[in-house]
């Protein structure tokens, strides 16, 4: 495996490194005016077998007692479509609409405060799920949009990730479970066997992680039961293996002798765009944070305040430890255009697209040590950097290096075995081709990376999404996009009844 360089300066290229190689794609924008238009997408969601992952898999059954928990940030058309699908499947259902208050507008640096508060919110949710399970009133709850869930031996818990009609009206949610499951298993089989993992990205990430035997059981089939018991006490089923749709390239666990080194860099987190930021990592500890605008300023301040504190479960003092490199596996997830950077419409959803990796650092969300830390009065939370064009090298036990992801493209999408599964349901070129690839000046679009994008990625991103939504028929020409991929998207997204590919 090639040695890493660990540069902490913003990348600069004579020409965009992925120009013509990973051309932008933008899926059609479908106008939804009636709840009935959303039902075809919920049909597959309703049939998918239940699991704890981030794929929407509701597995609705006649007579099942279901609680659908939404809030006033969800679009009423989405809520009504969910009501109709619960009715169709003969469920005994209740819909609770919580009041979150006014829908906020976000900037990327707001992630710092958001996840300090989100950690408490998710802990409160898990307490409520425990209470509901003890009461025995429901067989299943549909609640939340990501993060860990409670053990499900007495009551099933699944996601409700559909905030706007656009986020639901997507072929991402009509893909059959057999195909999604095959993609997840393909990734997990390679990740759990890899001895060393290296992740690089043209926005500046270059980090190497030693995937030690201590994380796993004797056969590396599951994670080490002792560690799972420490980090996921009371919720061991969740922590013992991979999370469908959200595969960890490194375990959500810590060893006393963490072995990782490199740089994490990028321009997006779960909430939104931020000026280019770089974090230096040494044995999983964040030792330096550079640039990042207000996001970087807030993180540096918080790191200074917490660096001397003792956190349970951490390999050493401090809050800022790298524990997450998780990847999506669904090729048709895309960045939402409608109401982007408001409420729950942010970059959280897009992390589910195949080949997109998000790096997380701080306390491990909803883990047992995080709960203990919070109860002790310590500040807890975690923060993110997204990678859209990563290449992932896995050094296998035989010394051969396999490429898991190349320039943001998950190689499982090209595997003959995966394609044979796709053929059972339609054209594999349609089903296994990404609907969305962002346009980033200086990376896969003409322009200067610093001047035209990285210093103010919010400005570019908002314009890009506006043009893609309102003038989709012009978008590909404007950004030098992938016409083949776009034409495939048009065919898959309602048989081509979009706005055209130009």
Foldseek 3Di string as FASTA:
>chain_A
DDDDDFDFDWDFDPWFPCAVPAFWFFFFFDDDDALVLLQLLVVQLCCADDDQFQQRRNVQAAAFEEEEEEEPLADPSPVVNVVVVNVVRNYNYDYHYHYPDDKDFFDQLCQVVVFLVVLVVVVVVQVVVVVCLVVLRGQEYADARDDGHAADPRHHYGYDNHRYSRQRLWCLSVDHPVLLVVLQVVVQVQLLQFQKKWKDASRFWTKIFGQDPQQPPPVSPWGDQVQLCQWAPNRSVRQTGAHRLKGFSHHQADDLQTQMWHKDWAAHWQQAGWFIKIFTAGSQAGDDIDDGPSSSVVVVVQQVVFQQDDFPRDSDGTFWGWRTWIAARAQEFDQDLPPERIHNRYNNRNRNHGLKIKTKTGHRRPIPSQVVCVVVVHRGGMIIHIGQQMWMWGQGPVRDIDIQGGGSQGCVLVDPVSCVVVVVPHHSVLRSFHNGRDQQDSHHFPDIRNPPDNRCPPVVVNVLSVCCHPVVQCNCVVGVGDQVSNVSSCCVSVHNPGNHND
